[in-house]
Protein backbone atom coordinates (compact mmCIF):
# COMPACT_ATOMS: atom_id res chain seq x y z
CA UNK A 1 39.29 -12.17 -14.90
CA UNK A 2 42.51 -12.67 -16.86
CA UNK A 3 44.44 -13.26 -13.64
CA UNK A 4 42.12 -16.13 -12.69
CA UNK A 5 42.66 -17.77 -16.09
CA UNK A 6 46.43 -17.38 -15.67
CA UNK A 7 46.30 -18.85 -12.16
CA UNK A 8 44.08 -21.75 -13.26
CA UNK A 9 46.42 -22.66 -16.12
CA UNK A 10 49.38 -22.42 -13.72
CA UNK A 11 47.74 -24.85 -11.31
CA UNK A 12 46.66 -27.27 -14.06
CA UNK A 13 50.00 -27.38 -15.84
CA UNK A 14 51.99 -27.74 -12.63
CA UNK A 15 49.76 -30.55 -11.35
CA UNK A 16 50.37 -32.28 -14.68
CA UNK A 17 54.15 -31.79 -14.33
CA UNK A 18 54.13 -33.25 -10.82
CA UNK A 19 52.14 -36.24 -12.07
CA UNK A 20 54.58 -36.76 -14.94
CA UNK A 21 57.45 -36.66 -12.46
CA UNK A 22 55.67 -39.09 -10.15
CA UNK A 23 54.73 -41.64 -12.83
CA UNK A 24 58.19 -41.56 -14.42
CA UNK A 25 59.89 -42.63 -11.22
CA UNK A 26 59.70 -39.61 -8.96
CA UNK A 27 58.51 -41.67 -6.05
CA UNK A 28 61.78 -43.66 -6.25
CA UNK A 29 63.79 -40.65 -5.17
CA UNK A 30 64.30 -38.93 -8.52
CA UNK A 31 65.17 -35.24 -8.39
CA UNK A 32 61.96 -33.15 -8.30
CA UNK A 33 62.70 -31.21 -11.48
CA UNK A 34 59.16 -29.78 -11.55
CA UNK A 35 60.18 -27.23 -8.89
CA UNK A 36 61.96 -25.11 -11.52
CA UNK A 37 58.94 -24.34 -13.73
CA UNK A 38 56.70 -24.22 -10.65
CA UNK A 39 58.92 -21.61 -8.97
CA UNK A 40 59.73 -19.56 -12.05
CA UNK A 41 56.17 -19.39 -13.28
CA UNK A 42 55.02 -18.82 -9.69
CA UNK A 43 57.05 -15.62 -9.60
CA UNK A 44 55.23 -14.51 -12.74
CA UNK A 45 51.84 -15.36 -11.23
CA UNK A 46 52.74 -13.44 -8.08
CA UNK A 47 53.73 -10.41 -10.16
CA UNK A 48 50.48 -10.64 -12.10
CA UNK A 49 48.51 -10.85 -8.83
CA UNK A 50 50.28 -7.80 -7.40
CA UNK A 51 49.76 -5.78 -10.57
CA UNK A 52 46.05 -6.55 -10.59
CA UNK A 53 45.05 -6.45 -6.92
CA UNK A 54 47.70 -4.48 -5.03
CA UNK A 55 47.89 -1.77 -7.70
CA UNK A 56 44.12 -1.24 -7.70
CA UNK A 57 44.24 0.23 -4.18
CA UNK A 58 46.80 2.81 -5.28
CA UNK A 59 44.73 3.66 -8.35
CA UNK A 60 41.58 4.09 -6.24
CA UNK A 61 43.36 6.47 -3.87
CA UNK A 62 44.77 8.51 -6.75
CA UNK A 63 41.32 8.73 -8.37
CA UNK A 64 39.79 9.84 -5.06
CA UNK A 65 42.44 12.57 -4.65
CA UNK A 66 41.83 13.80 -8.19
CA UNK A 67 38.06 13.82 -7.61
CA UNK A 68 38.45 15.91 -4.45
CA UNK A 69 40.80 18.31 -6.22
CA UNK A 70 38.37 18.82 -9.10
CA UNK A 71 35.46 19.22 -6.71
CA UNK A 72 37.33 21.94 -4.77
CA UNK A 73 38.17 23.76 -8.01
CA UNK A 74 34.55 23.61 -9.11
CA UNK A 75 33.32 25.01 -5.78
CA UNK A 76 35.75 27.94 -6.08
CA UNK A 77 34.28 28.99 -9.43
């Protein structure tokens, strides 16, 4: 849930930055300065995504291994 809030705020703020750039002369060929916060924060969002969703698969496998180990120990006693 927290990731989705983070991602939503990222999208909203960066859309606002692009609009600020556009309405302050960006369409006239001004340097697209918004790419710096978009890229930097994007790296943070990507890291947050990986820590939430990619890590959960590893955690599930570790929990399954521990469950099997405990089940085998219980059957031996």
